[in-house]
Amino acid sequence: MPEQSIMSDYAKASDRPVVMQVVPSLVTGGVERGTVDVAAALVDAGWRSLVVSSGGPLVREVLRAGAEHVELPVHSKNPMVMRSNVERLSSLIRQHGVDIVHARSRAPAWSARRAARAVGISFMTTIHARYNLGLPLKRYYNSVMADGDRVITNSAFIARYAIETYKTDPERIRVIHRGIDIELFDPVKVSAERVIKLSTDWRLPDGVPVIMLPGRLTRWKGQTVLIEAIARLGRSDIRCLVVGSDQGRTGYRRELESMISKLKLDGVVHLVGNCNDMPAALMLADTVVSASTDPEAFGRVIVEAQAMGRPIVAADHGASRELVLPGETGWLVPPNDPDALAEGLQSALALDATARESWARRSIARTHELFTKQKMCAATLDVYRELLEEKQLDGEAAA
């Protein structure tokens, strides 16, 4: 039976649109969390939501939201497995009457694109970050993410990257900032007990100003830049908390510990490891730092800090320029510049109680206006609707 006839039969069987998101795994991270959020939003809107991945702990949340999950080895970069995934995905598309395939990573995107094109349905992608270019073959491998009928980028910075690097048609790009859970990141809902527990665990003296850099311990996140900036401040009456796991990078952690000791900052800078209660952690901070030496594609830490009403000092590149309003919600300083970062920190710490309250109100209001998961999901569903309408118009024109 011809593919068009097959799809027509499915269209008659159900008037609920069906969206298939394809992601390598559902373990942890922003990409996976966004997949779950959109899956739930589709169900709430009365659509059918299907997620394909190699599995992981977040599968439970997909199912709890009322979406469906299919486990396939879409995480694999093995060419033979990727080729087999084309047939597997094509079969799923036919079986479930999928209208739109939405790929969120490169390896599954190659299989998903071929499957969607074979069956004749819409294919779209989300670019979550800049990819390393390397050899020409790597650029070609990356290019699939810029080849959707629609290409979502999580910032205008990444949109420019797609246009300049992969010559993506700007008409196909939709900028949708990542959204955070403002029910979770809400200063009103963080109990004093939660904050006190962390303060006790981290042995923070009462009334000491706290500077915080959240993020995994990896060099490009700028922990060394922050430590040097703290040394430039020359203050012993503050605490600097580097919050995040080394994820096995024990050599880098030892390097940071040695640097702290060499600069005689043992009583000031603390590597506190992973934290499972970031809203409470952020409540402890007087200012939050994003010191990334490479441009951030989005910068979730910045938005979460602003949602909690904390002034931010961030490196002036990448998506930070879209998230921070200088002089209103934070400071932007030249990247990889400890002296400039120290100046920004000094300004943030100098805010009095009245100014701090005003900054908090502005930061929280802007986050609620622009960076919620509800806004992100609504905008994503609007892109799906665009594709459905486009397909319908194409069908009417062909008839």
Foldseek 3Di string as FASTA:
>chain_A
DDLVVLLVVVCVVDVAAEEEEEEAEQADDQLNVLLLLLLLVSVVVVHAYEYEYQYYPCVVSSVVSVHYYDHANQNDPPVVSLCVLLVVVLVVCSVNSHAEYEYEDQSNLVSNVSSCVRSPHFYAYEDEDDDDCPDVVSLVSVLSQLPGQAYEAQFVLVVVVSCVSNVRDNVRYDHFHAFDALVQLALVPDDPVLLVVVCVLVVPDPPQAEEEEEDADDVQQPPVLQLLLVLVLVDLRHAYEYEEAPVPPVVSVVVSVVVCVVSVNVNHYDDSYYDPRVSSVLVRHLEYERQGQDARSACVVLLSSLLNLHAYEYEPDHNVVVQDDDPQRYHYFHHPHSNRSNVRVVVSVPDDPVRSVRNSVRSNVVSVVGHHSVSSSVVVVVSVVVSVVVVVVVVVVVD
